[in-house]
Amino acid sequence: MFSHVMLGANDVEESKKFYDAILEPLGYKPGVFDEKGRCFYFSRSGVFALTKPIDGEAATHGNGSTVGFAAESPEAADAWHEAGLASGGSSCEDPPGVREGSGIKLYLAYLRDPSGNKICAMHRVE
C-alpha cells in the first residue's frame, strides 16, 4: 500500500544514528545519504527516509501520528526499544508488551525519536 514514509528531522545526522541503531535489530542496513542530505533506508517492501523540512521550518512531530516497523519477534521489538533508548530516543505509551483488542494480539514497543516523532515496533502474536 505504501511506497515510502518520510519523517522530518531537525538533525538528520543525529536521527540517522538513532535509526541505524533501532533498525539493525529488525534486520535493516544503515541508512544512506543522497546529495540533498536526506537519509534513506531501503527494503523490498518500501523506503523509510529522513529529511530536514523543505520549507526551512523546524521539524515537528505529528500529533496522533505513529510510524510502525514490523518486528519478527517480541525479542526483536525489545532489542529495537532498548537500542532506541540507548541512542537518544525516549519511551512513550505503555512499556513494551502484548496488547489485545478486536480479536488480535500484538506485541508493541513505542518510542519518540530525537525529533519527537512517535514510532513503534510491532509483532503480530499467533
PDB file of N, CA and C in Angstrom:
ATOM      1  N   MET A   1       0.806  -1.198   0.000  1.00  0.00           N
ATOM      2  CA  MET A   1       0.000   0.000   0.000  1.00  0.00           C
ATOM      3  C   MET A   1       0.850   1.263   0.000  1.00  0.00           C
ATOM      4  N   PHE A   2       1.945   1.260   0.736  1.00  0.00           N
ATOM      5  CA  PHE A   2       2.775   2.462   0.823  1.00  0.00           C
ATOM      6  C   PHE A   2       4.083   2.264   0.067  1.00  0.00           C
ATOM      7  N   SER A   3       4.511   3.285  -0.629  1.00  0.00           N
ATOM      8  CA  SER A   3       5.791   3.220  -1.319  1.00  0.00           C
ATOM      9  C   SER A   3       6.927   3.670  -0.411  1.00  0.00           C
ATOM     10  N   HIS A   4       6.622   4.662   0.457  1.00  0.00           N
ATOM     11  CA  HIS A   4       7.653   5.176   1.346  1.00  0.00           C
ATOM     12  C   HIS A   4       7.021   5.968   2.488  1.00  0.00           C
ATOM     13  N   VAL A   5       7.817   6.153   3.521  1.00  0.00           N
ATOM     14  CA  VAL A   5       7.470   7.026   4.641  1.00  0.00           C
ATOM     15  C   VAL A   5       8.670   7.940   4.841  1.00  0.00           C
ATOM     16  N   MET A   6       8.412   9.250   4.931  1.00  0.00           N
ATOM     17  CA  MET A   6       9.480  10.207   5.173  1.00  0.00           C
ATOM     18  C   MET A   6       9.125  11.013   6.413  1.00  0.00           C
ATOM     19  N   LEU A   7      10.089  11.121   7.344  1.00  0.00           N
ATOM     20  CA  LEU A   7       9.902  11.911   8.549  1.00  0.00           C
ATOM     21  C   LEU A   7      10.832  13.111   8.535  1.00  0.00           C
ATOM     22  N   GLY A   8      10.341  14.213   9.066  1.00  0.00           N
ATOM     23  CA  GLY A   8      11.188  15.390   9.236  1.00  0.00           C
ATOM     24  C   GLY A   8      12.120  15.198  10.416  1.00  0.00           C
ATOM     25  N   ALA A   9      13.323  15.697  10.276  1.00  0.00           N
ATOM     26  CA  ALA A   9      14.327  15.619  11.336  1.00  0.00           C
ATOM     27  C   ALA A   9      15.065  16.945  11.415  1.00  0.00           C
ATOM     28  N   ASN A  10      15.245  17.462  12.616  1.00  0.00           N
ATOM     29  CA  ASN A  10      15.989  18.713  12.779  1.00  0.00           C
ATOM     30  C   ASN A  10      17.483  18.505  12.591  1.00  0.00           C
ATOM     31  N   ASP A  11      17.985  17.345  12.959  1.00  0.00           N
ATOM     32  CA  ASP A  11      19.388  16.983  12.786  1.00  0.00           C
ATOM     33  C   ASP A  11      19.403  15.605  12.136  1.00  0.00           C
ATOM     34  N   VAL A  12      19.558  15.571  10.820  1.00  0.00           N
ATOM     35  CA  VAL A  12      19.471  14.306  10.085  1.00  0.00           C
ATOM     36  C   VAL A  12      20.607  13.364  10.488  1.00  0.00           C
ATOM     37  N   GLU A  13      21.795  13.891  10.747  1.00  0.00           N
ATOM     38  CA  GLU A  13      22.918  13.038  11.185  1.00  0.00           C
ATOM     39  C   GLU A  13      22.594  12.360  12.509  1.00  0.00           C
ATOM     40  N   GLU A  14      22.074  13.116  13.487  1.00  0.00           N
ATOM     41  CA  GLU A  14      21.696  12.545  14.779  1.00  0.00           C
ATOM     42  C   GLU A  14      20.586  11.515  14.601  1.00  0.00           C
ATOM     43  N   SER A  15      19.602  11.848  13.778  1.00  0.00           N
ATOM     44  CA  SER A  15      18.499  10.923  13.542  1.00  0.00           C
ATOM     45  C   SER A  15      18.975   9.656  12.846  1.00  0.00           C
ATOM     46  N   LYS A  16      19.940   9.780  11.928  1.00  0.00           N
ATOM     47  CA  LYS A  16      20.482   8.597  11.257  1.00  0.00           C
ATOM     48  C   LYS A  16      21.109   7.653  12.281  1.00  0.00           C
ATOM     49  N   LYS A  17      21.875   8.183  13.215  1.00  0.00           N
ATOM     50  CA  LYS A  17      22.492   7.341  14.242  1.00  0.00           C
ATOM     51  C   LYS A  17      21.410   6.600  15.033  1.00  0.00           C
ATOM     52  N   PHE A  18      20.353   7.312  15.399  1.00  0.00           N
ATOM     53  CA  PHE A  18      19.242   6.717  16.136  1.00  0.00           C
ATOM     54  C   PHE A  18      18.580   5.615  15.311  1.00  0.00           C
ATOM     55  N   TYR A  19      18.211   5.915  14.059  1.00  0.00           N
ATOM     56  CA  TYR A  19      17.516   4.923  13.232  1.00  0.00           C
ATOM     57  C   TYR A  19      18.427   3.768  12.827  1.00  0.00           C
ATOM     58  N   ASP A  20      19.718   4.026  12.597  1.00  0.00           N
ATOM     59  CA  ASP A  20      20.647   2.913  12.353  1.00  0.00           C
ATOM     60  C   ASP A  20      20.601   1.943  13.537  1.00  0.00           C
ATOM     61  N   ALA A  21      20.612   2.492  14.757  1.00  0.00           N
ATOM     62  CA  ALA A  21      20.636   1.655  15.969  1.00  0.00           C
ATOM     63  C   ALA A  21      19.342   0.864  16.138  1.00  0.00           C
ATOM     64  N   ILE A  22      18.189   1.476  15.881  1.00  0.00           N
ATOM     65  CA  ILE A  22      16.932   0.754  16.126  1.00  0.00           C
ATOM     66  C   ILE A  22      16.535  -0.157  14.973  1.00  0.00           C
ATOM     67  N   LEU A  23      16.975   0.146  13.770  1.00  0.00           N
ATOM     68  CA  LEU A  23      16.589  -0.696  12.635  1.00  0.00           C
ATOM     69  C   LEU A  23      17.484  -1.918  12.488  1.00  0.00           C
ATOM     70  N   GLU A  24      18.692  -1.869  13.042  1.00  0.00           N
ATOM     71  CA  GLU A  24      19.595  -3.018  12.964  1.00  0.00           C
ATOM     72  C   GLU A  24      18.984  -4.262  13.617  1.00  0.00           C
ATOM     73  N   PRO A  25      18.368  -4.172  14.825  1.00  0.00           N
ATOM     74  CA  PRO A  25      17.761  -5.380  15.398  1.00  0.00           C
ATOM     75  C   PRO A  25      16.600  -5.945  14.575  1.00  0.00           C
ATOM     76  N   LEU A  26      16.050  -5.130  13.683  1.00  0.00           N
ATOM     77  CA  LEU A  26      14.964  -5.595  12.819  1.00  0.00           C
ATOM     78  C   LEU A  26      15.481  -6.118  11.481  1.00  0.00           C
ATOM     79  N   GLY A  27      16.816  -6.104  11.307  1.00  0.00           N
ATOM     80  CA  GLY A  27      17.429  -6.689  10.115  1.00  0.00           C
ATOM     81  C   GLY A  27      17.709  -5.733   8.971  1.00  0.00           C
ATOM     82  N   TYR A  28      17.687  -4.411   9.236  1.00  0.00           N
ATOM     83  CA  TYR A  28      17.918  -3.440   8.163  1.00  0.00           C
ATOM     84  C   TYR A  28      19.336  -2.897   8.202  1.00  0.00           C
ATOM     85  N   LYS A  29      19.839  -2.552   7.024  1.00  0.00           N
ATOM     86  CA  LYS A  29      21.177  -1.982   6.890  1.00  0.00           C
ATOM     87  C   LYS A  29      21.137  -0.497   7.260  1.00  0.00           C
ATOM     88  N   PRO A  30      22.306   0.091   7.596  1.00  0.00           N
ATOM     89  CA  PRO A  30      22.349   1.521   7.910  1.00  0.00           C
ATOM     90  C   PRO A  30      21.832   2.365   6.742  1.00  0.00           C
ATOM     91  N   GLY A  31      21.295   3.521   7.098  1.00  0.00           N
ATOM     92  CA  GLY A  31      20.781   4.441   6.081  1.00  0.00           C
ATOM     93  C   GLY A  31      21.896   5.019   5.231  1.00  0.00           C
ATOM     94  N   VAL A  32      21.515   5.489   4.045  1.00  0.00           N
ATOM     95  CA  VAL A  32      22.469   6.122   3.133  1.00  0.00           C
ATOM     96  C   VAL A  32      21.959   7.520   2.787  1.00  0.00           C
ATOM     97  N   PHE A  33      22.904   8.444   2.630  1.00  0.00           N
ATOM     98  CA  PHE A  33      22.571   9.827   2.305  1.00  0.00           C
ATOM     99  C   PHE A  33      22.556  10.053   0.802  1.00  0.00           C
ATOM    100  N   ASP A  34      21.672  10.933   0.360  1.00  0.00           N
ATOM    101  CA  ASP A  34      21.710  11.374  -1.036  1.00  0.00           C
ATOM    102  C   ASP A  34      22.387  12.741  -1.094  1.00  0.00           C
ATOM    103  N   GLU A  35      22.485  13.301  -2.286  1.00  0.00           N
ATOM    104  CA  GLU A  35      23.176  14.575  -2.471  1.00  0.00           C
ATOM    105  C   GLU A  35      22.459  15.753  -1.810  1.00  0.00           C
ATOM    106  N   LYS A  36      21.205  15.586  -1.431  1.00  0.00           N
ATOM    107  CA  LYS A  36      20.445  16.648  -0.758  1.00  0.00           C
ATOM    108  C   LYS A  36      20.496  16.539   0.764  1.00  0.00           C
ATOM    109  N   GLY A  37      21.252  15.555   1.284  1.00  0.00           N
ATOM    110  CA  GLY A  37      21.381  15.392   2.725  1.00  0.00           C
ATOM    111  C   GLY A  37      20.252  14.608   3.364  1.00  0.00           C
ATOM    112  N   ARG A  38      19.440  13.949   2.544  1.00  0.00           N
ATOM    113  CA  ARG A  38      18.374  13.101   3.067  1.00  0.00           C
ATOM    114  C   ARG A  38      18.942  11.708   3.315  1.00  0.00           C
ATOM    115  N   CYS A  39      18.369  11.004   4.275  1.00  0.00           N
ATOM    116  CA  CYS A  39      18.833   9.668   4.632  1.00  0.00           C
ATOM    117  C   CYS A  39      17.757   8.654   4.268  1.00  0.00           C
ATOM    118  N   PHE A  40      18.152   7.575   3.593  1.00  0.00           N
ATOM    119  CA  PHE A  40      17.212   6.563   3.114  1.00  0.00           C
ATOM    120  C   PHE A  40      17.571   5.169   3.620  1.00  0.00           C
ATOM    121  N   TYR A  41      16.517   4.417   3.975  1.00  0.00           N
ATOM    122  CA  TYR A  41      16.612   3.006   4.352  1.00  0.00           C
ATOM    123  C   TYR A  41      15.745   2.244   3.360  1.00  0.00           C
ATOM    124  N   PHE A  42      16.350   1.300   2.658  1.00  0.00           N
ATOM    125  CA  PHE A  42      15.654   0.580   1.600  1.00  0.00           C
ATOM    126  C   PHE A  42      15.323  -0.845   2.019  1.00  0.00           C
ATOM    127  N   SER A  43      14.139  -1.309   1.612  1.00  0.00           N
ATOM    128  CA  SER A  43      13.762  -2.706   1.821  1.00  0.00           C
ATOM    129  C   SER A  43      13.008  -3.167   0.579  1.00  0.00           C
ATOM    130  N   ARG A  44      12.700  -4.452   0.520  1.00  0.00           N
ATOM    131  CA  ARG A  44      11.943  -4.973  -0.628  1.00  0.00           C
ATOM    132  C   ARG A  44      10.538  -4.402  -0.672  1.00  0.00           C
ATOM    133  N   SER A  45       9.995  -4.007   0.483  1.00  0.00           N
ATOM    134  CA  SER A  45       8.600  -3.549   0.520  1.00  0.00           C
ATOM    135  C   SER A  45       8.436  -2.039   0.525  1.00  0.00           C
ATOM    136  N   GLY A  46       9.512  -1.279   0.619  1.00  0.00           N
ATOM    137  CA  GLY A  46       9.370   0.172   0.610  1.00  0.00           C
ATOM    138  C   GLY A  46      10.612   0.876   1.108  1.00  0.00           C
ATOM    139  N   VAL A  47      10.467   2.177   1.319  1.00  0.00           N
ATOM    140  CA  VAL A  47      11.577   3.029   1.715  1.00  0.00           C
ATOM    141  C   VAL A  47      11.160   3.853   2.934  1.00  0.00           C
ATOM    142  N   PHE A  48      12.082   3.983   3.878  1.00  0.00           N
ATOM    143  CA  PHE A  48      11.916   4.879   5.015  1.00  0.00           C
ATOM    144  C   PHE A  48      12.973   5.952   4.868  1.00  0.00           C
ATOM    145  N   ALA A  49      12.593   7.232   5.056  1.00  0.00           N
ATOM    146  CA  ALA A  49      13.539   8.317   4.821  1.00  0.00           C
ATOM    147  C   ALA A  49      13.436   9.398   5.884  1.00  0.00           C
ATOM    148  N   LEU A  50      14.536  10.129   6.047  1.00  0.00           N
ATOM    149  CA  LEU A  50      14.634  11.253   6.975  1.00  0.00           C
ATOM    150  C   LEU A  50      15.087  12.482   6.205  1.00  0.00           C
ATOM    151  N   THR A  51      14.508  13.639   6.507  1.00  0.00           N
ATOM    152  CA  THR A  51      14.895  14.862   5.814  1.00  0.00           C
ATOM    153  C   THR A  51      14.642  16.082   6.678  1.00  0.00           C
ATOM    154  N   LYS A  52      15.411  17.120   6.446  1.00  0.00           N
ATOM    155  CA  LYS A  52      15.054  18.420   7.017  1.00  0.00           C
ATOM    156  C   LYS A  52      13.844  18.907   6.227  1.00  0.00           C
ATOM    157  N   PRO A  53      12.893  19.574   6.892  1.00  0.00           N
ATOM    158  CA  PRO A  53      11.731  20.070   6.156  1.00  0.00           C
ATOM    159  C   PRO A  53      12.131  21.008   5.007  1.00  0.00           C
ATOM    160  N   ILE A  54      11.495  20.829   3.871  1.00  0.00           N
ATOM    161  CA  ILE A  54      11.801  21.618   2.680  1.00  0.00           C
ATOM    162  C   ILE A  54      11.507  23.099   2.888  1.00  0.00           C
ATOM    163  N   ASP A  55      10.502  23.416   3.720  1.00  0.00           N
ATOM    164  CA  ASP A  55      10.125  24.816   3.908  1.00  0.00           C
ATOM    165  C   ASP A  55      11.073  25.589   4.819  1.00  0.00           C
ATOM    166  N   GLY A  56      12.110  24.912   5.365  1.00  0.00           N
ATOM    167  CA  GLY A  56      13.087  25.581   6.208  1.00  0.00           C
ATOM    168  C   GLY A  56      12.655  25.750   7.656  1.00  0.00           C
ATOM    169  N   GLU A  57      11.434  25.382   7.968  1.00  0.00           N
ATOM    170  CA  GLU A  57      10.948  25.458   9.346  1.00  0.00           C
ATOM    171  C   GLU A  57      11.460  24.249  10.132  1.00  0.00           C
ATOM    172  N   ALA A  58      11.309  24.302  11.454  1.00  0.00           N
ATOM    173  CA  ALA A  58      11.728  23.192  12.304  1.00  0.00           C
ATOM    174  C   ALA A  58      10.844  21.969  12.056  1.00  0.00           C
ATOM    175  N   ALA A  59      11.443  20.795  12.145  1.00  0.00           N
ATOM    176  CA  ALA A  59      10.668  19.552  12.077  1.00  0.00           C
ATOM    177  C   ALA A  59       9.877  19.420  13.373  1.00  0.00           C
ATOM    178  N   THR A  60       8.638  19.022  13.258  1.00  0.00           N
ATOM    179  CA  THR A  60       7.797  18.779  14.424  1.00  0.00           C
ATOM    180  C   THR A  60       7.095  17.447  14.233  1.00  0.00           C
ATOM    181  N   HIS A  61       6.716  16.831  15.350  1.00  0.00           N
ATOM    182  CA  HIS A  61       6.030  15.543  15.255  1.00  0.00           C
ATOM    183  C   HIS A  61       4.556  15.764  14.942  1.00  0.00           C
ATOM    184  N   GLY A  62       3.954  14.779  14.318  1.00  0.00           N
ATOM    185  CA  GLY A  62       2.526  14.829  14.022  1.00  0.00           C
ATOM    186  C   GLY A  62       1.740  14.331  15.226  1.00  0.00           C
ATOM    187  N   ASN A  63       0.927  15.188  15.814  1.00  0.00           N
ATOM    188  CA  ASN A  63       0.129  14.793  16.966  1.00  0.00           C
ATOM    189  C   ASN A  63      -0.901  13.762  16.528  1.00  0.00           C
ATOM    190  N   GLY A  64      -0.823  12.575  17.086  1.00  0.00           N
ATOM    191  CA  GLY A  64      -1.710  11.490  16.692  1.00  0.00           C
ATOM    192  C   GLY A  64      -1.116  10.583  15.635  1.00  0.00           C
ATOM    193  N   SER A  65       0.074  10.891  15.149  1.00  0.00           N
ATOM    194  CA  SER A  65       0.726  10.084  14.112  1.00  0.00           C
ATOM    195  C   SER A  65       1.696   9.092  14.732  1.00  0.00           C
ATOM    196  N   THR A  66       1.762   7.906  14.138  1.00  0.00           N
ATOM    197  CA  THR A  66       2.730   6.887  14.534  1.00  0.00           C
ATOM    198  C   THR A  66       3.220   6.182  13.288  1.00  0.00           C
ATOM    199  N   VAL A  67       4.523   5.942  13.214  1.00  0.00           N
ATOM    200  CA  VAL A  67       5.099   5.130  12.158  1.00  0.00           C
ATOM    201  C   VAL A  67       5.475   3.798  12.792  1.00  0.00           C
ATOM    202  N   GLY A  68       4.967   2.696  12.238  1.00  0.00           N
ATOM    203  CA  GLY A  68       5.215   1.376  12.790  1.00  0.00           C
ATOM    204  C   GLY A  68       6.183   0.563  11.949  1.00  0.00           C
ATOM    205  N   PHE A  69       7.081  -0.133  12.627  1.00  0.00           N
ATOM    206  CA  PHE A  69       8.043  -1.022  11.984  1.00  0.00           C
ATOM    207  C   PHE A  69       7.717  -2.457  12.380  1.00  0.00           C
ATOM    208  N   ALA A  70       7.696  -3.359  11.404  1.00  0.00           N
ATOM    209  CA  ALA A  70       7.410  -4.767  11.668  1.00  0.00           C
ATOM    210  C   ALA A  70       8.600  -5.425  12.361  1.00  0.00           C
ATOM    211  N   ALA A  71       8.310  -6.199  13.409  1.00  0.00           N
ATOM    212  CA  ALA A  71       9.334  -6.948  14.130  1.00  0.00           C
ATOM    213  C   ALA A  71       9.029  -8.436  13.993  1.00  0.00           C
ATOM    214  N   GLU A  72      10.051  -9.245  13.793  1.00  0.00           N
ATOM    215  CA  GLU A  72       9.883 -10.691  13.611  1.00  0.00           C
ATOM    216  C   GLU A  72       9.520 -11.419  14.900  1.00  0.00           C
ATOM    217  N   SER A  73       9.785 -10.794  16.053  1.00  0.00           N
ATOM    218  CA  SER A  73       9.532 -11.455  17.338  1.00  0.00           C
ATOM    219  C   SER A  73       9.426 -10.397  18.432  1.00  0.00           C
ATOM    220  N   PRO A  74       8.877 -10.778  19.588  1.00  0.00           N
ATOM    221  CA  PRO A  74       8.890  -9.851  20.720  1.00  0.00           C
ATOM    222  C   PRO A  74      10.321  -9.474  21.126  1.00  0.00           C
ATOM    223  N   GLU A  75      11.238 -10.425  21.008  1.00  0.00           N
ATOM    224  CA  GLU A  75      12.631 -10.144  21.354  1.00  0.00           C
ATOM    225  C   GLU A  75      13.234  -9.084  20.432  1.00  0.00           C
ATOM    226  N   ALA A  76      12.899  -9.140  19.145  1.00  0.00           N
ATOM    227  CA  ALA A  76      13.384  -8.120  18.204  1.00  0.00           C
ATOM    228  C   ALA A  76      12.789  -6.759  18.555  1.00  0.00           C
ATOM    229  N   ALA A  77      11.512  -6.733  18.938  1.00  0.00           N
ATOM    230  CA  ALA A  77      10.884  -5.463  19.343  1.00  0.00           C
ATOM    231  C   ALA A  77      11.547  -4.909  20.597  1.00  0.00           C
ATOM    232  N   ASP A  78      11.869  -5.788  21.543  1.00  0.00           N
ATOM    233  CA  ASP A  78      12.562  -5.346  22.758  1.00  0.00           C
ATOM    234  C   ASP A  78      13.951  -4.803  22.446  1.00  0.00           C
ATOM    235  N   ALA A  79      14.687  -5.488  21.560  1.00  0.00           N
ATOM    236  CA  ALA A  79      16.022  -5.021  21.167  1.00  0.00           C
ATOM    237  C   ALA A  79      15.920  -3.670  20.472  1.00  0.00           C
ATOM    238  N   TRP A  80      14.905  -3.493  19.637  1.00  0.00           N
ATOM    239  CA  TRP A  80      14.625  -2.227  18.957  1.00  0.00           C
ATOM    240  C   TRP A  80      14.416  -1.121  19.994  1.00  0.00           C
ATOM    241  N   HIS A  81      13.580  -1.391  20.991  1.00  0.00           N
ATOM    242  CA  HIS A  81      13.261  -0.424  22.037  1.00  0.00           C
ATOM    243  C   HIS A  81      14.511  -0.062  22.848  1.00  0.00           C
ATOM    244  N   GLU A  82      15.261  -1.077  23.257  1.00  0.00           N
ATOM    245  CA  GLU A  82      16.486  -0.844  24.035  1.00  0.00           C
ATOM    246  C   GLU A  82      17.497  -0.019  23.236  1.00  0.00           C
ATOM    247  N   ALA A  83      17.661  -0.338  21.944  1.00  0.00           N
ATOM    248  CA  ALA A  83      18.589   0.419  21.091  1.00  0.00           C
ATOM    249  C   ALA A  83      18.136   1.863  20.972  1.00  0.00           C
ATOM    250  N   GLY A  84      16.835   2.078  20.881  1.00  0.00           N
ATOM    251  CA  GLY A  84      16.311   3.435  20.791  1.00  0.00           C
ATOM    252  C   GLY A  84      16.576   4.248  22.033  1.00  0.00           C
ATOM    253  N   LEU A  85      16.363   3.649  23.196  1.00  0.00           N
ATOM    254  CA  LEU A  85      16.628   4.356  24.450  1.00  0.00           C
ATOM    255  C   LEU A  85      18.106   4.690  24.589  1.00  0.00           C
ATOM    256  N   ALA A  86      18.971   3.774  24.158  1.00  0.00           N
ATOM    257  CA  ALA A  86      20.418   3.984  24.249  1.00  0.00           C
ATOM    258  C   ALA A  86      20.929   4.972  23.211  1.00  0.00           C
ATOM    259  N   SER A  87      20.103   5.305  22.205  1.00  0.00           N
ATOM    260  CA  SER A  87      20.559   6.158  21.096  1.00  0.00           C
ATOM    261  C   SER A  87      19.842   7.499  21.038  1.00  0.00           C
ATOM    262  N   GLY A  88      19.282   7.936  22.142  1.00  0.00           N
ATOM    263  CA  GLY A  88      18.685   9.272  22.177  1.00  0.00           C
ATOM    264  C   GLY A  88      17.179   9.324  22.083  1.00  0.00           C
ATOM    265  N   GLY A  89      16.529   8.169  22.002  1.00  0.00           N
ATOM    266  CA  GLY A  89      15.071   8.150  21.985  1.00  0.00           C
ATOM    267  C   GLY A  89      14.519   8.152  23.395  1.00  0.00           C
ATOM    268  N   SER A  90      13.220   8.336  23.491  1.00  0.00           N
ATOM    269  CA  SER A  90      12.564   8.289  24.798  1.00  0.00           C
ATOM    270  C   SER A  90      11.340   7.386  24.711  1.00  0.00           C
ATOM    271  N   SER A  91      11.053   6.724  25.819  1.00  0.00           N
ATOM    272  CA  SER A  91       9.919   5.820  25.867  1.00  0.00           C
ATOM    273  C   SER A  91       8.623   6.620  25.910  1.00  0.00           C
ATOM    274  N   CYS A  92       7.587   6.085  25.307  1.00  0.00           N
ATOM    275  CA  CYS A  92       6.262   6.693  25.382  1.00  0.00           C
ATOM    276  C   CYS A  92       5.239   5.572  25.349  1.00  0.00           C
ATOM    277  N   GLU A  93       4.002   5.899  25.651  1.00  0.00           N
ATOM    278  CA  GLU A  93       2.936   4.903  25.746  1.00  0.00           C
ATOM    279  C   GLU A  93       3.255   3.949  26.900  1.00  0.00           C
ATOM    280  N   ASP A  94       2.638   2.781  26.905  1.00  0.00           N
ATOM    281  CA  ASP A  94       2.898   1.764  27.925  1.00  0.00           C
ATOM    282  C   ASP A  94       4.235   1.092  27.635  1.00  0.00           C
ATOM    283  N   PRO A  95       4.815   0.404  28.636  1.00  0.00           N
ATOM    284  CA  PRO A  95       6.051  -0.345  28.369  1.00  0.00           C
ATOM    285  C   PRO A  95       5.811  -1.398  27.291  1.00  0.00           C
ATOM    286  N   PRO A  96       6.876  -1.872  26.620  1.00  0.00           N
ATOM    287  CA  PRO A  96       6.706  -2.913  25.608  1.00  0.00           C
ATOM    288  C   PRO A  96       5.948  -4.106  26.171  1.00  0.00           C
ATOM    289  N   GLY A  97       5.036  -4.651  25.368  1.00  0.00           N
ATOM    290  CA  GLY A  97       4.280  -5.806  25.800  1.00  0.00           C
ATOM    291  C   GLY A  97       3.124  -6.109  24.878  1.00  0.00           C
ATOM    292  N   VAL A  98       2.362  -7.141  25.251  1.00  0.00           N
ATOM    293  CA  VAL A  98       1.225  -7.602  24.448  1.00  0.00           C
ATOM    294  C   VAL A  98       0.022  -6.708  24.710  1.00  0.00           C
ATOM    295  N   ARG A  99      -0.653  -6.335  23.629  1.00  0.00           N
ATOM    296  CA  ARG A  99      -1.932  -5.617  23.693  1.00  0.00           C
ATOM    297  C   ARG A  99      -2.936  -6.461  22.926  1.00  0.00           C
ATOM    298  N   GLU A 100      -4.148  -6.536  23.444  1.00  0.00           N
ATOM    299  CA  GLU A 100      -5.199  -7.313  22.793  1.00  0.00           C
ATOM    300  C   GLU A 100      -6.395  -6.428  22.504  1.00  0.00           C
ATOM    301  N   GLY A 101      -7.042  -6.708  21.380  1.00  0.00           N
ATOM    302  CA  GLY A 101      -8.258  -5.995  21.018  1.00  0.00           C
ATOM    303  C   GLY A 101      -8.742  -6.437  19.663  1.00  0.00           C
ATOM    304  N   SER A 102     -10.029  -6.386  19.460  1.00  0.00           N
ATOM    305  CA  SER A 102     -10.638  -6.763  18.183  1.00  0.00           C
ATOM    306  C   SER A 102     -10.222  -8.161  17.735  1.00  0.00           C
ATOM    307  N   GLY A 103      -9.988  -9.054  18.704  1.00  0.00           N
ATOM    308  CA  GLY A 103      -9.654 -10.432  18.372  1.00  0.00           C
ATOM    309  C   GLY A 103      -8.214 -10.662  17.939  1.00  0.00           C
ATOM    310  N   ILE A 104      -7.334  -9.663  18.108  1.00  0.00           N
ATOM    311  CA  ILE A 104      -5.927  -9.843  17.733  1.00  0.00           C
ATOM    312  C   ILE A 104      -5.029  -9.537  18.918  1.00  0.00           C
ATOM    313  N   LYS A 105      -3.844 -10.146  18.903  1.00  0.00           N
ATOM    314  CA  LYS A 105      -2.823  -9.897  19.910  1.00  0.00           C
ATOM    315  C   LYS A 105      -1.604  -9.328  19.198  1.00  0.00           C
ATOM    316  N   LEU A 106      -1.124  -8.220  19.710  1.00  0.00           N
ATOM    317  CA  LEU A 106       0.054  -7.576  19.152  1.00  0.00           C
ATOM    318  C   LEU A 106       1.073  -7.336  20.260  1.00  0.00           C
ATOM    319  N   TYR A 107       2.346  -7.531  19.953  1.00  0.00           N
ATOM    320  CA  TYR A 107       3.415  -7.130  20.855  1.00  0.00           C
ATOM    321  C   TYR A 107       3.901  -5.786  20.346  1.00  0.00           C
ATOM    322  N   LEU A 108       3.787  -4.740  21.176  1.00  0.00           N
ATOM    323  CA  LEU A 108       4.101  -3.380  20.762  1.00  0.00           C
ATOM    324  C   LEU A 108       5.157  -2.750  21.660  1.00  0.00           C
ATOM    325  N   ALA A 109       6.039  -1.965  21.058  1.00  0.00           N
ATOM    326  CA  ALA A 109       7.036  -1.173  21.781  1.00  0.00           C
ATOM    327  C   ALA A 109       7.055   0.213  21.146  1.00  0.00           C
ATOM    328  N   TYR A 110       6.884   1.245  21.948  1.00  0.00           N
ATOM    329  CA  TYR A 110       6.804   2.623  21.438  1.00  0.00           C
ATOM    330  C   TYR A 110       7.990   3.462  21.893  1.00  0.00           C
ATOM    331  N   LEU A 111       8.398   4.382  21.016  1.00  0.00           N
ATOM    332  CA  LEU A 111       9.456   5.354  21.306  1.00  0.00           C
ATOM    333  C   LEU A 111       9.111   6.695  20.670  1.00  0.00           C
ATOM    334  N   ARG A 112       9.778   7.730  21.143  1.00  0.00           N
ATOM    335  CA  ARG A 112       9.848   9.007  20.435  1.00  0.00           C
ATOM    336  C   ARG A 112      11.292   9.121  19.944  1.00  0.00           C
ATOM    337  N   ASP A 113      11.454   9.502  18.675  1.00  0.00           N
ATOM    338  CA  ASP A 113      12.801   9.674  18.124  1.00  0.00           C
ATOM    339  C   ASP A 113      13.362  11.025  18.566  1.00  0.00           C
ATOM    340  N   PRO A 114      14.616  11.355  18.210  1.00  0.00           N
ATOM    341  CA  PRO A 114      15.206  12.614  18.655  1.00  0.00           C
ATOM    342  C   PRO A 114      14.436  13.871  18.217  1.00  0.00           C
ATOM    343  N   SER A 115      13.616  13.784  17.169  1.00  0.00           N
ATOM    344  CA  SER A 115      12.815  14.932  16.734  1.00  0.00           C
ATOM    345  C   SER A 115      11.397  14.905  17.293  1.00  0.00           C
ATOM    346  N   GLY A 116      11.088  13.912  18.129  1.00  0.00           N
ATOM    347  CA  GLY A 116       9.778  13.834  18.755  1.00  0.00           C
ATOM    348  C   GLY A 116       8.759  12.996  18.016  1.00  0.00           C
ATOM    349  N   ASN A 117       9.122  12.394  16.875  1.00  0.00           N
ATOM    350  CA  ASN A 117       8.188  11.539  16.140  1.00  0.00           C
ATOM    351  C   ASN A 117       7.899  10.276  16.944  1.00  0.00           C
ATOM    352  N   LYS A 118       6.626   9.871  16.983  1.00  0.00           N
ATOM    353  CA  LYS A 118       6.264   8.631  17.680  1.00  0.00           C
ATOM    354  C   LYS A 118       6.391   7.472  16.713  1.00  0.00           C
ATOM    355  N   ILE A 119       7.144   6.452  17.146  1.00  0.00           N
ATOM    356  CA  ILE A 119       7.393   5.273  16.325  1.00  0.00           C
ATOM    357  C   ILE A 119       7.105   4.035  17.158  1.00  0.00           C
ATOM    358  N   CYS A 120       6.909   2.916  16.474  1.00  0.00           N
ATOM    359  CA  CYS A 120       6.518   1.691  17.152  1.00  0.00           C
ATOM    360  C   CYS A 120       7.135   0.488  16.438  1.00  0.00           C
ATOM    361  N   ALA A 121       7.516  -0.519  17.229  1.00  0.00           N
ATOM    362  CA  ALA A 121       7.859  -1.826  16.672  1.00  0.00           C
ATOM    363  C   ALA A 121       6.686  -2.748  17.022  1.00  0.00           C
ATOM    364  N   MET A 122       6.215  -3.501  16.033  1.00  0.00           N
ATOM    365  CA  MET A 122       5.043  -4.342  16.235  1.00  0.00           C
ATOM    366  C   MET A 122       5.309  -5.761  15.740  1.00  0.00           C
ATOM    367  N   HIS A 123       4.937  -6.723  16.592  1.00  0.00           N
ATOM    368  CA  HIS A 123       4.982  -8.134  16.224  1.00  0.00           C
ATOM    369  C   HIS A 123       3.574  -8.696  16.398  1.00  0.00           C
ATOM    370  N   ARG A 124       3.057  -9.340  15.376  1.00  0.00           N
ATOM    371  CA  ARG A 124       1.745  -9.992  15.462  1.00  0.00           C
ATOM    372  C   ARG A 124       1.906 -11.319  16.182  1.00  0.00           C
ATOM    373  N   VAL A 125       1.222 -11.480  17.312  1.00  0.00           N
ATOM    374  CA  VAL A 125       1.312 -12.690  18.121  1.00  0.00           C
ATOM    375  C   VAL A 125       0.335 -13.715  17.560  1.00  0.00           C
ATOM    376  N   GLU A 126       0.811 -14.936  17.327  1.00  0.00           N
ATOM    377  CA  GLU A 126      -0.044 -16.001  16.781  1.00  0.00           C
ATOM    378  C   GLU A 126      -1.009 -16.483  17.828  1.00  0.00           C
TER     379      GLU A 126
END
